[in-house]
Amino acid sequence: PGLTKKLTSKPINLWRQYVSMPATFRKKKAEELRIFKFFDSLIPSRFESIVIFLFYIVVLMIHAMNMHYVDGDPVFENNKYNSQARNVADRTGIVATVMMPLVFLFAGRNNFLQWITGWNYNTFMTYHRHIARVMFMLIVIHAVCYTIRLKATYAQDMKETYLIWGVIATVCGGIILFQALLYFRRNWYETFLLIHIVMAALFVAGTW
């Protein structure tokens, strides 16, 4: 706190005035945004919005760069469409898996990142929600690409244990995403928390 009080130079004051302190839109900082009746959400601060925007840009870049087909691919099918579907499925699955520790770490009420950064719990929860949404979108893309690739032998392949648990994990992720809406958290928090924990445990088991 003492060091923070001393940081009052013009560049730092401008940073606080226009980036770290204000609301994203005018004066609505951490306020509720009503969309119909059930799809309410909380508006993040300007700094959080910038971080979230950059996070989405990085995710898009990761999945857009160096995604190409090699003629005569000896590893996957010698077919451009199937090979590209497999490449997209692999990359989205790997990145979604790598995001899992962040999702759980940012959800913790007392974690070492809060001590390191000085951010409050609401900031961590804001990032937690957006990381989880991106992770689920990547999982859906992963599942769809694998389904396209296996369409010829889908019924037979779905008997495999790892695919069955993959479907379970995906369904649990979808349930988590839906029941985590602000409307449910606000009106039935204890029920939301119980379902959230159970579904998260099944999601981890299915992913494993």
N, C-alpha and C. Protein backbone atom coordinates (compact mmCIF):
# COMPACT_ATOMS: atom_id res chain seq x y z
N PRO A 1 0.81 -1.23 0.00
CA PRO A 1 0.00 0.00 0.00
C PRO A 1 0.84 1.27 0.00
N GLY A 2 1.96 1.27 0.77
CA GLY A 2 2.81 2.44 0.80
C GLY A 2 3.43 2.74 -0.55
N LEU A 3 3.88 1.69 -1.25
CA LEU A 3 4.46 1.87 -2.58
C LEU A 3 3.41 2.37 -3.56
N THR A 4 2.20 1.84 -3.47
CA THR A 4 1.12 2.25 -4.37
C THR A 4 0.81 3.74 -4.22
N LYS A 5 0.84 4.24 -2.98
CA LYS A 5 0.55 5.66 -2.74
C LYS A 5 1.62 6.57 -3.35
N LYS A 6 2.84 6.07 -3.44
CA LYS A 6 3.92 6.88 -4.00
C LYS A 6 3.91 6.92 -5.53
N LEU A 7 3.21 5.96 -6.15
CA LEU A 7 3.16 5.91 -7.61
C LEU A 7 2.11 6.89 -8.13
N THR A 8 2.47 8.13 -8.21
CA THR A 8 1.52 9.17 -8.61
C THR A 8 2.05 10.04 -9.74
N SER A 9 2.92 9.53 -10.57
CA SER A 9 3.43 10.31 -11.69
C SER A 9 2.34 10.47 -12.75
N LYS A 10 2.56 11.35 -13.71
CA LYS A 10 1.55 11.64 -14.72
C LYS A 10 1.17 10.41 -15.56
N PRO A 11 2.15 9.62 -16.07
CA PRO A 11 1.75 8.43 -16.84
C PRO A 11 0.90 7.45 -16.03
N ILE A 12 1.26 7.25 -14.77
CA ILE A 12 0.49 6.32 -13.92
C ILE A 12 -0.90 6.87 -13.66
N ASN A 13 -1.01 8.17 -13.41
CA ASN A 13 -2.32 8.78 -13.19
C ASN A 13 -3.19 8.69 -14.43
N LEU A 14 -2.59 8.85 -15.62
CA LEU A 14 -3.35 8.70 -16.86
C LEU A 14 -3.82 7.26 -17.05
N TRP A 15 -2.94 6.31 -16.71
CA TRP A 15 -3.30 4.89 -16.78
C TRP A 15 -4.50 4.60 -15.88
N ARG A 16 -4.46 5.14 -14.65
CA ARG A 16 -5.58 4.93 -13.73
C ARG A 16 -6.84 5.61 -14.22
N GLN A 17 -6.69 6.81 -14.77
CA GLN A 17 -7.85 7.60 -15.19
C GLN A 17 -8.58 6.97 -16.37
N TYR A 18 -7.83 6.42 -17.33
CA TYR A 18 -8.45 5.97 -18.57
C TYR A 18 -8.48 4.46 -18.76
N VAL A 19 -7.69 3.71 -17.95
CA VAL A 19 -7.62 2.26 -18.17
C VAL A 19 -8.02 1.45 -16.95
N SER A 20 -7.29 1.58 -15.85
CA SER A 20 -7.47 0.65 -14.73
C SER A 20 -8.66 0.96 -13.83
N MET A 21 -9.06 2.21 -13.73
CA MET A 21 -10.10 2.58 -12.77
C MET A 21 -11.51 2.71 -13.36
N PRO A 22 -11.68 3.28 -14.57
CA PRO A 22 -13.05 3.57 -15.03
C PRO A 22 -13.83 2.34 -15.46
N ALA A 23 -15.12 2.58 -15.69
CA ALA A 23 -16.00 1.54 -16.21
C ALA A 23 -15.75 1.35 -17.69
N THR A 24 -16.19 0.21 -18.20
CA THR A 24 -16.04 -0.05 -19.64
C THR A 24 -16.86 0.94 -20.45
N PHE A 25 -18.12 1.13 -20.06
CA PHE A 25 -19.01 2.05 -20.75
C PHE A 25 -19.51 3.10 -19.77
N ARG A 26 -19.09 4.33 -19.96
CA ARG A 26 -19.54 5.45 -19.16
C ARG A 26 -19.34 5.17 -17.68
N LYS A 27 -20.45 5.07 -16.92
CA LYS A 27 -20.33 4.92 -15.47
C LYS A 27 -20.79 3.55 -14.97
N LYS A 28 -21.08 2.65 -15.88
CA LYS A 28 -21.59 1.34 -15.48
C LYS A 28 -20.45 0.38 -15.20
N LYS A 29 -19.94 0.44 -14.00
CA LYS A 29 -18.84 -0.44 -13.60
C LYS A 29 -19.37 -1.55 -12.71
N ALA A 30 -19.15 -2.78 -13.12
CA ALA A 30 -19.61 -3.96 -12.37
C ALA A 30 -21.12 -3.92 -12.14
N GLU A 31 -21.85 -3.34 -13.10
CA GLU A 31 -23.30 -3.27 -13.00
C GLU A 31 -23.94 -4.34 -13.87
N GLU A 32 -25.20 -4.60 -13.56
CA GLU A 32 -25.93 -5.64 -14.28
C GLU A 32 -26.41 -5.13 -15.63
N LEU A 33 -26.23 -5.94 -16.65
CA LEU A 33 -26.74 -5.66 -17.99
C LEU A 33 -27.87 -6.63 -18.26
N ARG A 34 -29.09 -6.11 -18.40
CA ARG A 34 -30.26 -6.97 -18.57
C ARG A 34 -30.48 -7.26 -20.06
N ILE A 35 -30.51 -8.54 -20.39
CA ILE A 35 -30.79 -9.00 -21.75
C ILE A 35 -31.99 -9.93 -21.66
N PHE A 36 -33.15 -9.47 -22.10
CA PHE A 36 -34.41 -10.16 -21.89
C PHE A 36 -34.62 -10.33 -20.38
N LYS A 37 -34.91 -11.53 -19.90
CA LYS A 37 -35.15 -11.72 -18.47
C LYS A 37 -34.14 -12.65 -17.84
N PHE A 38 -33.67 -13.64 -18.58
CA PHE A 38 -32.83 -14.69 -18.01
C PHE A 38 -31.35 -14.52 -18.32
N PHE A 39 -31.01 -13.69 -19.30
CA PHE A 39 -29.62 -13.60 -19.74
C PHE A 39 -28.95 -12.33 -19.23
N ASP A 40 -29.07 -12.10 -17.92
CA ASP A 40 -28.40 -10.96 -17.30
C ASP A 40 -26.90 -11.25 -17.19
N SER A 41 -26.11 -10.19 -17.20
CA SER A 41 -24.67 -10.34 -17.04
C SER A 41 -24.11 -9.11 -16.35
N LEU A 42 -22.89 -9.23 -15.84
CA LEU A 42 -22.23 -8.13 -15.17
C LEU A 42 -21.20 -7.50 -16.10
N ILE A 43 -21.22 -6.16 -16.19
CA ILE A 43 -20.29 -5.45 -17.06
C ILE A 43 -18.93 -5.35 -16.36
N PRO A 44 -17.86 -5.85 -16.95
CA PRO A 44 -16.54 -5.75 -16.31
C PRO A 44 -16.00 -4.33 -16.38
N SER A 45 -14.93 -4.07 -15.66
CA SER A 45 -14.27 -2.77 -15.73
C SER A 45 -13.55 -2.62 -17.07
N ARG A 46 -13.06 -1.42 -17.35
CA ARG A 46 -12.39 -1.19 -18.63
C ARG A 46 -11.12 -2.02 -18.75
N PHE A 47 -10.35 -2.09 -17.68
CA PHE A 47 -9.13 -2.88 -17.71
C PHE A 47 -9.44 -4.36 -17.96
N GLU A 48 -10.46 -4.87 -17.26
CA GLU A 48 -10.85 -6.26 -17.45
C GLU A 48 -11.33 -6.51 -18.88
N SER A 49 -12.06 -5.55 -19.44
CA SER A 49 -12.55 -5.69 -20.81
C SER A 49 -11.40 -5.74 -21.80
N ILE A 50 -10.36 -4.92 -21.57
CA ILE A 50 -9.20 -4.92 -22.45
C ILE A 50 -8.47 -6.26 -22.37
N VAL A 51 -8.29 -6.77 -21.15
CA VAL A 51 -7.62 -8.07 -20.96
C VAL A 51 -8.41 -9.19 -21.64
N ILE A 52 -9.73 -9.18 -21.47
CA ILE A 52 -10.59 -10.20 -22.07
C ILE A 52 -10.53 -10.12 -23.59
N PHE A 53 -10.56 -8.90 -24.13
CA PHE A 53 -10.47 -8.71 -25.58
C PHE A 53 -9.15 -9.26 -26.12
N LEU A 54 -8.05 -8.95 -25.45
CA LEU A 54 -6.74 -9.45 -25.88
C LEU A 54 -6.67 -10.98 -25.76
N PHE A 55 -7.31 -11.52 -24.74
CA PHE A 55 -7.35 -12.97 -24.56
C PHE A 55 -8.04 -13.64 -25.74
N TYR A 56 -9.17 -13.07 -26.17
CA TYR A 56 -9.89 -13.62 -27.33
C TYR A 56 -9.03 -13.51 -28.60
N ILE A 57 -8.31 -12.41 -28.76
CA ILE A 57 -7.45 -12.24 -29.93
C ILE A 57 -6.35 -13.32 -29.94
N VAL A 58 -5.73 -13.56 -28.78
CA VAL A 58 -4.67 -14.57 -28.68
C VAL A 58 -5.21 -15.96 -29.03
N VAL A 59 -6.40 -16.28 -28.51
CA VAL A 59 -7.00 -17.59 -28.80
C VAL A 59 -7.27 -17.74 -30.29
N LEU A 60 -7.79 -16.70 -30.93
CA LEU A 60 -8.05 -16.75 -32.36
C LEU A 60 -6.75 -16.92 -33.15
N MET A 61 -5.70 -16.20 -32.74
CA MET A 61 -4.42 -16.30 -33.44
C MET A 61 -3.83 -17.70 -33.30
N ILE A 62 -3.93 -18.27 -32.09
CA ILE A 62 -3.39 -19.61 -31.85
C ILE A 62 -4.02 -20.64 -32.78
N HIS A 63 -5.32 -20.47 -33.06
CA HIS A 63 -6.02 -21.46 -33.86
C HIS A 63 -6.05 -21.12 -35.35
N ALA A 64 -5.56 -19.95 -35.72
CA ALA A 64 -5.55 -19.57 -37.13
C ALA A 64 -4.19 -19.72 -37.78
N MET A 65 -3.13 -19.68 -37.00
CA MET A 65 -1.78 -19.69 -37.56
C MET A 65 -1.28 -21.12 -37.83
N ASN A 66 -0.59 -21.28 -38.95
CA ASN A 66 0.06 -22.55 -39.31
C ASN A 66 -0.90 -23.73 -39.31
N MET A 67 -2.13 -23.49 -39.75
CA MET A 67 -3.11 -24.57 -39.86
C MET A 67 -3.23 -24.92 -41.34
N HIS A 68 -2.40 -25.85 -41.81
CA HIS A 68 -2.37 -26.15 -43.23
C HIS A 68 -2.30 -27.66 -43.46
N TYR A 69 -2.53 -28.03 -44.70
CA TYR A 69 -2.54 -29.44 -45.08
C TYR A 69 -1.23 -29.79 -45.78
N VAL A 70 -0.69 -30.95 -45.44
CA VAL A 70 0.53 -31.45 -46.08
C VAL A 70 0.13 -32.53 -47.08
N ASP A 71 0.50 -32.36 -48.33
CA ASP A 71 0.16 -33.35 -49.36
C ASP A 71 0.76 -34.72 -49.02
N GLY A 72 -0.07 -35.75 -49.16
CA GLY A 72 0.39 -37.11 -48.88
C GLY A 72 0.67 -37.33 -47.42
N ASP A 73 -0.13 -36.74 -46.57
CA ASP A 73 0.05 -36.85 -45.11
C ASP A 73 0.13 -38.32 -44.69
N PRO A 74 1.27 -38.78 -44.19
CA PRO A 74 1.41 -40.20 -43.85
C PRO A 74 0.80 -40.57 -42.49
N VAL A 75 0.53 -39.57 -41.65
CA VAL A 75 0.04 -39.85 -40.30
C VAL A 75 -1.47 -40.00 -40.29
N PHE A 76 -2.17 -39.01 -40.85
CA PHE A 76 -3.62 -39.05 -40.89
C PHE A 76 -4.08 -39.49 -42.27
N GLU A 77 -5.38 -39.42 -42.52
CA GLU A 77 -5.91 -39.88 -43.81
C GLU A 77 -5.32 -39.06 -44.97
N ASN A 78 -5.12 -39.72 -46.07
CA ASN A 78 -4.61 -39.04 -47.26
C ASN A 78 -5.78 -38.31 -47.93
N ASN A 79 -6.36 -37.39 -47.16
CA ASN A 79 -7.53 -36.65 -47.61
C ASN A 79 -7.48 -35.27 -46.96
N LYS A 80 -7.52 -34.23 -47.78
CA LYS A 80 -7.33 -32.88 -47.25
C LYS A 80 -8.39 -32.51 -46.23
N TYR A 81 -9.65 -32.78 -46.51
CA TYR A 81 -10.75 -32.40 -45.62
C TYR A 81 -10.63 -33.10 -44.27
N ASN A 82 -10.42 -34.43 -44.30
CA ASN A 82 -10.30 -35.18 -43.04
C ASN A 82 -9.05 -34.79 -42.27
N SER A 83 -7.98 -34.55 -42.97
CA SER A 83 -6.73 -34.16 -42.31
C SER A 83 -6.86 -32.82 -41.62
N GLN A 84 -7.49 -31.85 -42.29
CA GLN A 84 -7.69 -30.54 -41.67
C GLN A 84 -8.64 -30.61 -40.48
N ALA A 85 -9.67 -31.44 -40.61
CA ALA A 85 -10.60 -31.63 -39.48
C ALA A 85 -9.86 -32.21 -38.28
N ARG A 86 -8.97 -33.16 -38.54
CA ARG A 86 -8.19 -33.76 -37.46
C ARG A 86 -7.24 -32.73 -36.83
N ASN A 87 -6.60 -31.90 -37.66
CA ASN A 87 -5.70 -30.88 -37.14
C ASN A 87 -6.43 -29.87 -36.25
N VAL A 88 -7.60 -29.43 -36.71
CA VAL A 88 -8.41 -28.50 -35.91
C VAL A 88 -8.86 -29.16 -34.62
N ALA A 89 -9.30 -30.43 -34.72
CA ALA A 89 -9.75 -31.16 -33.53
C ALA A 89 -8.63 -31.30 -32.51
N ASP A 90 -7.43 -31.64 -33.00
CA ASP A 90 -6.29 -31.81 -32.09
C ASP A 90 -5.93 -30.49 -31.41
N ARG A 91 -5.83 -29.42 -32.19
CA ARG A 91 -5.38 -28.15 -31.62
C ARG A 91 -6.39 -27.60 -30.62
N THR A 92 -7.67 -27.62 -30.97
CA THR A 92 -8.69 -27.11 -30.03
C THR A 92 -8.74 -27.96 -28.77
N GLY A 93 -8.57 -29.27 -28.91
CA GLY A 93 -8.58 -30.15 -27.74
C GLY A 93 -7.40 -29.90 -26.82
N ILE A 94 -6.22 -29.71 -27.41
CA ILE A 94 -5.01 -29.46 -26.61
C ILE A 94 -5.11 -28.12 -25.88
N VAL A 95 -5.51 -27.07 -26.59
CA VAL A 95 -5.60 -25.75 -25.97
C VAL A 95 -6.67 -25.73 -24.87
N ALA A 96 -7.81 -26.39 -25.12
CA ALA A 96 -8.86 -26.46 -24.09
C ALA A 96 -8.35 -27.18 -22.84
N THR A 97 -7.58 -28.24 -23.03
CA THR A 97 -7.03 -28.98 -21.89
C THR A 97 -6.04 -28.12 -21.11
N VAL A 98 -5.21 -27.36 -21.83
CA VAL A 98 -4.23 -26.49 -21.18
C VAL A 98 -4.93 -25.39 -20.36
N MET A 99 -6.13 -24.99 -20.78
CA MET A 99 -6.87 -23.94 -20.07
C MET A 99 -7.47 -24.42 -18.75
N MET A 100 -7.62 -25.72 -18.58
CA MET A 100 -8.30 -26.25 -17.39
C MET A 100 -7.68 -25.79 -16.07
N PRO A 101 -6.35 -25.83 -15.89
CA PRO A 101 -5.80 -25.34 -14.62
C PRO A 101 -6.15 -23.88 -14.34
N LEU A 102 -6.18 -23.04 -15.39
CA LEU A 102 -6.55 -21.64 -15.20
C LEU A 102 -8.00 -21.50 -14.74
N VAL A 103 -8.88 -22.30 -15.31
CA VAL A 103 -10.30 -22.24 -14.93
C VAL A 103 -10.47 -22.53 -13.44
N PHE A 104 -9.79 -23.57 -12.96
CA PHE A 104 -9.93 -23.94 -11.56
C PHE A 104 -9.18 -22.98 -10.64
N LEU A 105 -8.01 -22.53 -11.07
CA LEU A 105 -7.22 -21.62 -10.24
C LEU A 105 -7.94 -20.28 -10.07
N PHE A 106 -8.51 -19.75 -11.15
CA PHE A 106 -9.19 -18.45 -11.07
C PHE A 106 -10.50 -18.53 -10.31
N ALA A 107 -11.05 -19.73 -10.15
CA ALA A 107 -12.32 -19.88 -9.42
C ALA A 107 -12.12 -19.93 -7.92
N GLY A 108 -10.89 -20.18 -7.45
CA GLY A 108 -10.63 -20.30 -6.02
C GLY A 108 -10.74 -18.97 -5.30
N ARG A 109 -11.42 -18.97 -4.17
CA ARG A 109 -11.61 -17.72 -3.42
C ARG A 109 -10.31 -17.23 -2.80
N ASN A 110 -9.45 -18.14 -2.38
CA ASN A 110 -8.16 -17.75 -1.82
C ASN A 110 -7.05 -18.47 -2.58
N ASN A 111 -6.47 -17.78 -3.57
CA ASN A 111 -5.38 -18.39 -4.31
C ASN A 111 -4.19 -17.44 -4.35
N PHE A 112 -3.03 -17.99 -4.63
CA PHE A 112 -1.80 -17.21 -4.53
C PHE A 112 -1.72 -16.09 -5.57
N LEU A 113 -2.48 -16.21 -6.68
CA LEU A 113 -2.47 -15.15 -7.68
C LEU A 113 -3.10 -13.86 -7.15
N GLN A 114 -4.10 -13.98 -6.26
CA GLN A 114 -4.67 -12.79 -5.64
C GLN A 114 -3.63 -12.06 -4.81
N TRP A 115 -2.81 -12.82 -4.11
CA TRP A 115 -1.75 -12.22 -3.29
C TRP A 115 -0.68 -11.56 -4.16
N ILE A 116 -0.37 -12.20 -5.30
CA ILE A 116 0.67 -11.66 -6.18
C ILE A 116 0.19 -10.41 -6.91
N THR A 117 -1.03 -10.44 -7.43
CA THR A 117 -1.52 -9.35 -8.28
C THR A 117 -2.22 -8.24 -7.51
N GLY A 118 -2.81 -8.57 -6.36
CA GLY A 118 -3.60 -7.58 -5.63
C GLY A 118 -4.99 -7.39 -6.20
N TRP A 119 -5.37 -8.21 -7.20
CA TRP A 119 -6.72 -8.11 -7.77
C TRP A 119 -7.74 -8.68 -6.78
N ASN A 120 -8.96 -8.16 -6.85
CA ASN A 120 -10.01 -8.68 -5.97
C ASN A 120 -10.63 -9.94 -6.57
N TYR A 121 -11.47 -10.58 -5.77
CA TYR A 121 -12.05 -11.86 -6.17
C TYR A 121 -12.97 -11.70 -7.38
N ASN A 122 -13.68 -10.56 -7.47
CA ASN A 122 -14.59 -10.34 -8.60
C ASN A 122 -13.84 -10.33 -9.94
N THR A 123 -12.64 -9.76 -9.93
CA THR A 123 -11.83 -9.74 -11.15
C THR A 123 -11.47 -11.16 -11.57
N PHE A 124 -11.06 -11.98 -10.61
CA PHE A 124 -10.72 -13.37 -10.92
C PHE A 124 -11.93 -14.14 -11.44
N MET A 125 -13.11 -13.87 -10.86
CA MET A 125 -14.31 -14.55 -11.31
C MET A 125 -14.69 -14.12 -12.73
N THR A 126 -14.46 -12.86 -13.05
CA THR A 126 -14.72 -12.38 -14.41
C THR A 126 -13.86 -13.13 -15.41
N TYR A 127 -12.57 -13.26 -15.11
CA TYR A 127 -11.67 -14.00 -16.00
C TYR A 127 -12.02 -15.48 -16.03
N HIS A 128 -12.39 -16.03 -14.89
CA HIS A 128 -12.79 -17.44 -14.80
C HIS A 128 -13.93 -17.74 -15.76
N ARG A 129 -14.94 -16.87 -15.78
CA ARG A 129 -16.11 -17.11 -16.64
C ARG A 129 -15.74 -17.06 -18.12
N HIS A 130 -14.90 -16.10 -18.49
CA HIS A 130 -14.56 -15.97 -19.91
C HIS A 130 -13.62 -17.10 -20.36
N ILE A 131 -12.69 -17.50 -19.52
CA ILE A 131 -11.82 -18.63 -19.86
C ILE A 131 -12.66 -19.89 -20.03
N ALA A 132 -13.63 -20.09 -19.11
CA ALA A 132 -14.49 -21.27 -19.18
C ALA A 132 -15.33 -21.27 -20.45
N ARG A 133 -15.85 -20.10 -20.84
CA ARG A 133 -16.66 -20.02 -22.07
C ARG A 133 -15.83 -20.35 -23.30
N VAL A 134 -14.64 -19.80 -23.36
CA VAL A 134 -13.76 -20.08 -24.50
C VAL A 134 -13.38 -21.56 -24.52
N MET A 135 -13.07 -22.11 -23.34
CA MET A 135 -12.70 -23.51 -23.24
C MET A 135 -13.84 -24.40 -23.75
N PHE A 136 -15.07 -24.09 -23.38
CA PHE A 136 -16.21 -24.91 -23.83
C PHE A 136 -16.40 -24.78 -25.34
N MET A 137 -16.25 -23.57 -25.88
CA MET A 137 -16.37 -23.40 -27.34
C MET A 137 -15.33 -24.24 -28.08
N LEU A 138 -14.11 -24.27 -27.55
CA LEU A 138 -13.06 -25.08 -28.16
C LEU A 138 -13.40 -26.57 -28.08
N ILE A 139 -13.98 -26.98 -26.94
CA ILE A 139 -14.37 -28.39 -26.78
C ILE A 139 -15.44 -28.78 -27.79
N VAL A 140 -16.41 -27.89 -28.01
CA VAL A 140 -17.47 -28.16 -29.00
C VAL A 140 -16.87 -28.30 -30.40
N ILE A 141 -15.96 -27.39 -30.77
CA ILE A 141 -15.29 -27.48 -32.07
C ILE A 141 -14.51 -28.79 -32.17
N HIS A 142 -13.81 -29.14 -31.08
CA HIS A 142 -13.05 -30.40 -31.02
C HIS A 142 -13.98 -31.59 -31.27
N ALA A 143 -15.13 -31.59 -30.59
CA ALA A 143 -16.07 -32.71 -30.71
C ALA A 143 -16.67 -32.78 -32.12
N VAL A 144 -17.04 -31.65 -32.67
CA VAL A 144 -17.65 -31.62 -34.00
C VAL A 144 -16.66 -32.11 -35.06
N CYS A 145 -15.41 -31.65 -34.97
CA CYS A 145 -14.40 -32.06 -35.95
C CYS A 145 -14.12 -33.55 -35.88
N TYR A 146 -14.08 -34.10 -34.67
CA TYR A 146 -13.86 -35.54 -34.54
C TYR A 146 -15.06 -36.32 -35.07
N THR A 147 -16.27 -35.79 -34.84
CA THR A 147 -17.48 -36.46 -35.33
C THR A 147 -17.49 -36.49 -36.85
N ILE A 148 -17.10 -35.36 -37.48
CA ILE A 148 -17.01 -35.30 -38.95
C ILE A 148 -16.03 -36.34 -39.46
N ARG A 149 -14.89 -36.42 -38.78
CA ARG A 149 -13.84 -37.33 -39.22
C ARG A 149 -14.25 -38.80 -39.07
N LEU A 150 -15.08 -39.09 -38.05
CA LEU A 150 -15.45 -40.48 -37.76
C LEU A 150 -16.83 -40.84 -38.29
N LYS A 151 -17.40 -40.01 -39.18
CA LYS A 151 -18.79 -40.22 -39.58
C LYS A 151 -19.02 -41.59 -40.23
N ALA A 152 -18.01 -42.12 -40.89
CA ALA A 152 -18.19 -43.41 -41.57
C ALA A 152 -18.29 -44.56 -40.57
N THR A 153 -17.59 -44.43 -39.44
CA THR A 153 -17.57 -45.52 -38.44
C THR A 153 -18.04 -45.02 -37.08
N TYR A 154 -18.92 -44.02 -37.08
CA TYR A 154 -19.31 -43.35 -35.83
C TYR A 154 -19.94 -44.30 -34.82
N ALA A 155 -20.91 -45.10 -35.26
CA ALA A 155 -21.61 -46.00 -34.34
C ALA A 155 -20.66 -47.00 -33.68
N GLN A 156 -19.71 -47.50 -34.45
CA GLN A 156 -18.74 -48.45 -33.90
C GLN A 156 -17.75 -47.76 -32.95
N ASP A 157 -17.26 -46.59 -33.37
CA ASP A 157 -16.27 -45.87 -32.55
C ASP A 157 -16.86 -45.39 -31.22
N MET A 158 -18.16 -45.07 -31.21
CA MET A 158 -18.78 -44.56 -30.00
C MET A 158 -18.87 -45.59 -28.89
N LYS A 159 -18.51 -46.82 -29.17
CA LYS A 159 -18.46 -47.84 -28.13
C LYS A 159 -17.18 -47.76 -27.32
N GLU A 160 -16.21 -46.98 -27.82
CA GLU A 160 -14.93 -46.83 -27.13
C GLU A 160 -15.13 -46.02 -25.83
N THR A 161 -14.46 -46.46 -24.78
CA THR A 161 -14.63 -45.82 -23.46
C THR A 161 -14.24 -44.35 -23.48
N TYR A 162 -13.13 -44.03 -24.16
CA TYR A 162 -12.65 -42.65 -24.14
C TYR A 162 -13.62 -41.70 -24.86
N LEU A 163 -14.30 -42.20 -25.89
CA LEU A 163 -15.27 -41.37 -26.59
C LEU A 163 -16.54 -41.17 -25.77
N ILE A 164 -16.96 -42.22 -25.08
CA ILE A 164 -18.15 -42.11 -24.21
C ILE A 164 -17.91 -41.06 -23.13
N TRP A 165 -16.74 -41.13 -22.50
CA TRP A 165 -16.43 -40.15 -21.45
C TRP A 165 -16.18 -38.76 -22.01
N GLY A 166 -15.72 -38.69 -23.26
CA GLY A 166 -15.59 -37.39 -23.91
C GLY A 166 -16.94 -36.72 -24.09
N VAL A 167 -17.94 -37.51 -24.48
CA VAL A 167 -19.30 -36.99 -24.62
C VAL A 167 -19.85 -36.56 -23.27
N ILE A 168 -19.60 -37.36 -22.23
CA ILE A 168 -20.06 -37.01 -20.88
C ILE A 168 -19.45 -35.67 -20.45
N ALA A 169 -18.15 -35.52 -20.67
CA ALA A 169 -17.48 -34.28 -20.29
C ALA A 169 -18.05 -33.08 -21.05
N THR A 170 -18.31 -33.26 -22.34
CA THR A 170 -18.86 -32.17 -23.14
C THR A 170 -20.25 -31.77 -22.67
N VAL A 171 -21.10 -32.75 -22.39
CA VAL A 171 -22.45 -32.47 -21.91
C VAL A 171 -22.39 -31.77 -20.55
N CYS A 172 -21.51 -32.25 -19.67
CA CYS A 172 -21.36 -31.61 -18.35
C CYS A 172 -20.89 -30.16 -18.50
N GLY A 173 -19.97 -29.92 -19.44
CA GLY A 173 -19.51 -28.56 -19.69
C GLY A 173 -20.64 -27.66 -20.16
N GLY A 174 -21.50 -28.18 -21.01
CA GLY A 174 -22.66 -27.41 -21.48
C GLY A 174 -23.62 -27.09 -20.36
N ILE A 175 -23.87 -28.07 -19.47
CA ILE A 175 -24.75 -27.84 -18.32
C ILE A 175 -24.16 -26.77 -17.40
N ILE A 176 -22.84 -26.86 -17.15
CA ILE A 176 -22.16 -25.87 -16.31
C ILE A 176 -22.33 -24.47 -16.90
N LEU A 177 -22.12 -24.36 -18.21
CA LEU A 177 -22.20 -23.06 -18.88
C LEU A 177 -23.61 -22.47 -18.76
N PHE A 178 -24.63 -23.32 -18.91
CA PHE A 178 -26.01 -22.83 -18.86
C PHE A 178 -26.43 -22.47 -17.45
N GLN A 179 -26.13 -23.35 -16.48
CA GLN A 179 -26.62 -23.09 -15.13
C GLN A 179 -25.81 -22.05 -14.38
N ALA A 180 -24.70 -21.59 -14.99
CA ALA A 180 -23.89 -20.54 -14.38
C ALA A 180 -24.36 -19.14 -14.75
N LEU A 181 -25.48 -19.05 -15.47
CA LEU A 181 -26.03 -17.73 -15.80
C LEU A 181 -26.33 -16.95 -14.52
N LEU A 182 -26.18 -15.64 -14.59
CA LEU A 182 -26.39 -14.79 -13.42
C LEU A 182 -27.78 -14.96 -12.82
N TYR A 183 -28.77 -15.21 -13.66
CA TYR A 183 -30.14 -15.40 -13.19
C TYR A 183 -30.24 -16.56 -12.21
N PHE A 184 -29.59 -17.68 -12.51
CA PHE A 184 -29.61 -18.85 -11.63
C PHE A 184 -28.73 -18.64 -10.40
N ARG A 185 -27.58 -18.03 -10.59
CA ARG A 185 -26.69 -17.77 -9.44
C ARG A 185 -27.35 -16.86 -8.42
N ARG A 186 -28.09 -15.90 -8.91
CA ARG A 186 -28.70 -14.92 -8.01
C ARG A 186 -29.91 -15.48 -7.27
N ASN A 187 -30.68 -16.32 -7.94
CA ASN A 187 -31.94 -16.80 -7.35
C ASN A 187 -31.81 -18.14 -6.61
N TRP A 188 -30.88 -18.99 -7.05
CA TRP A 188 -30.74 -20.30 -6.41
C TRP A 188 -29.26 -20.61 -6.24
N TYR A 189 -28.56 -19.81 -5.46
CA TYR A 189 -27.10 -19.93 -5.40
C TYR A 189 -26.64 -21.28 -4.87
N GLU A 190 -27.25 -21.77 -3.78
CA GLU A 190 -26.81 -23.05 -3.20
C GLU A 190 -27.01 -24.20 -4.18
N THR A 191 -28.13 -24.19 -4.89
CA THR A 191 -28.39 -25.23 -5.89
C THR A 191 -27.39 -25.11 -7.04
N PHE A 192 -27.15 -23.86 -7.47
CA PHE A 192 -26.17 -23.62 -8.53
C PHE A 192 -24.80 -24.16 -8.12
N LEU A 193 -24.38 -23.88 -6.88
CA LEU A 193 -23.05 -24.28 -6.43
C LEU A 193 -22.91 -25.80 -6.39
N LEU A 194 -23.94 -26.48 -5.90
CA LEU A 194 -23.91 -27.95 -5.82
C LEU A 194 -23.81 -28.56 -7.22
N ILE A 195 -24.67 -28.10 -8.14
CA ILE A 195 -24.64 -28.62 -9.52
C ILE A 195 -23.30 -28.30 -10.16
N HIS A 196 -22.78 -27.10 -9.92
CA HIS A 196 -21.52 -26.66 -10.49
C HIS A 196 -20.38 -27.60 -10.08
N ILE A 197 -20.33 -27.94 -8.81
CA ILE A 197 -19.25 -28.79 -8.29
C ILE A 197 -19.37 -30.22 -8.85
N VAL A 198 -20.59 -30.76 -8.84
CA VAL A 198 -20.80 -32.14 -9.34
C VAL A 198 -20.46 -32.23 -10.83
N MET A 199 -20.96 -31.26 -11.60
CA MET A 199 -20.70 -31.27 -13.04
C MET A 199 -19.21 -31.06 -13.34
N ALA A 200 -18.56 -30.21 -12.54
CA ALA A 200 -17.12 -29.97 -12.73
C ALA A 200 -16.32 -31.24 -12.45
N ALA A 201 -16.72 -31.99 -11.43
CA ALA A 201 -16.03 -33.25 -11.11
C ALA A 201 -16.20 -34.25 -12.25
N LEU A 202 -17.41 -34.36 -12.80
CA LEU A 202 -17.64 -35.26 -13.93
C LEU A 202 -16.90 -34.78 -15.18
N PHE A 203 -16.81 -33.45 -15.33
CA PHE A 203 -16.09 -32.89 -16.47
C PHE A 203 -14.61 -33.27 -16.41
N VAL A 204 -14.02 -33.14 -15.23
CA VAL A 204 -12.60 -33.50 -15.06
C VAL A 204 -12.39 -34.99 -15.31
N ALA A 205 -13.29 -35.81 -14.75
CA ALA A 205 -13.18 -37.27 -14.94
C ALA A 205 -13.31 -37.63 -16.42
N GLY A 206 -14.28 -37.02 -17.09
CA GLY A 206 -14.48 -37.30 -18.51
C GLY A 206 -13.32 -36.85 -19.36
N THR A 207 -12.77 -35.70 -19.03
CA THR A 207 -11.62 -35.19 -19.78
C THR A 207 -10.41 -36.10 -19.59
N TRP A 208 -10.21 -36.55 -18.37
CA TRP A 208 -9.09 -37.47 -18.08
C TRP A 208 -9.24 -38.77 -18.86
